[in-house]
Amino acid sequence: MQLTSPKCPFCGSTRTCPIFYGYPSDIEWHLEAVAKGQIIGREYSISDSDPAWHCHECSNEWGISNETS
C-alpha cells in the first residue's frame, strides 16, 4: 500500500486514508490507527471493486483495493 495518502479526486482534500479490510493481527495498533483517522476499518473485502481510499472531508471512496479475500 502507498505510504502517503493521495488527494481526494472529488474535493481535493489531503485528509485521506487507506481502507483496511479484514481482521488485524494487532488489534491495539488497528484501534489506535482508526481512532487517529489513519485508516478506516472494514470487514473482509468481498469484491474486486472495493475502494482503497477514504476522504475524511467529503466521505468519497475511490481506487481499487488489492486486498480481496
Protein backbone atom coordinates (compact mmCIF):
# COMPACT_ATOMS: atom_id res chain seq x y z
CA MET A 1 0.00 0.00 0.00
CA GLN A 2 1.17 3.50 -0.78
CA LEU A 3 2.91 5.32 2.12
CA THR A 4 1.43 8.77 1.55
CA SER A 5 -2.28 9.23 1.10
CA PRO A 6 -3.37 10.77 -2.21
CA LYS A 7 -5.56 13.84 -2.59
CA CYS A 8 -9.26 13.14 -2.90
CA PRO A 9 -10.23 13.21 -6.58
CA PHE A 10 -13.66 14.65 -5.70
CA CYS A 11 -12.91 17.53 -3.29
CA GLY A 12 -9.09 17.80 -3.42
CA SER A 13 -8.62 17.28 0.32
CA THR A 14 -5.39 15.79 1.61
CA ARG A 15 -7.26 14.39 4.64
CA THR A 16 -7.46 10.89 3.19
CA CYS A 17 -6.51 7.46 4.44
CA PRO A 18 -6.37 3.85 3.27
CA ILE A 19 -9.26 1.47 3.92
CA PHE A 20 -8.09 -1.59 5.87
CA TYR A 21 -10.02 -4.79 5.10
CA GLY A 22 -10.12 -7.87 7.32
CA TYR A 23 -9.34 -8.60 10.91
CA PRO A 24 -5.97 -7.30 12.12
CA SER A 25 -3.44 -9.46 13.90
CA ASP A 26 -2.51 -6.47 16.09
CA ILE A 27 -5.85 -5.19 17.38
CA GLU A 28 -4.28 -2.47 19.55
CA TRP A 29 -2.49 -0.94 16.54
CA HIS A 30 -5.67 -1.21 14.47
CA LEU A 31 -7.90 0.50 17.06
CA GLU A 32 -5.35 3.28 17.63
CA ALA A 33 -4.98 3.90 13.87
CA VAL A 34 -8.78 4.04 13.45
CA ALA A 35 -9.11 6.44 16.40
CA LYS A 36 -6.45 8.75 14.88
CA GLY A 37 -8.09 8.64 11.45
CA GLN A 38 -5.06 6.97 9.90
CA ILE A 39 -7.14 4.11 8.49
CA ILE A 40 -10.78 3.17 8.01
CA GLY A 41 -11.52 -0.35 9.23
CA ARG A 42 -13.81 -2.66 7.29
CA GLU A 43 -14.65 -6.33 7.34
CA TYR A 44 -13.24 -8.52 4.61
CA SER A 45 -13.22 -7.19 1.07
CA ILE A 46 -15.91 -9.05 -0.83
CA SER A 47 -15.49 -7.86 -4.41
CA ASP A 48 -12.88 -6.79 -6.91
CA SER A 49 -14.23 -3.24 -6.83
CA ASP A 50 -13.99 -2.39 -3.13
CA PRO A 51 -12.41 1.07 -2.66
CA ALA A 52 -8.86 1.54 -1.40
CA TRP A 53 -9.04 5.15 -0.13
CA HIS A 54 -11.41 7.25 2.02
CA CYS A 55 -11.70 11.04 2.28
CA HIS A 56 -12.39 12.46 5.76
CA GLU A 57 -13.74 15.72 4.30
CA CYS A 58 -16.39 14.51 1.83
CA SER A 59 -16.55 10.73 2.56
CA ASN A 60 -15.68 9.92 -1.05
CA GLU A 61 -14.15 6.47 -1.52
CA TRP A 62 -12.13 5.54 -4.60
CA GLY A 63 -9.45 3.35 -6.05
CA ILE A 64 -9.45 -0.41 -6.16
CA SER A 65 -8.33 -2.36 -3.11
CA ASN A 66 -5.90 -5.17 -3.78
CA GLU A 67 -6.88 -6.89 -0.53
CA THR A 68 -9.72 -9.10 -1.79
CA SER A 69 -10.18 -12.21 0.30
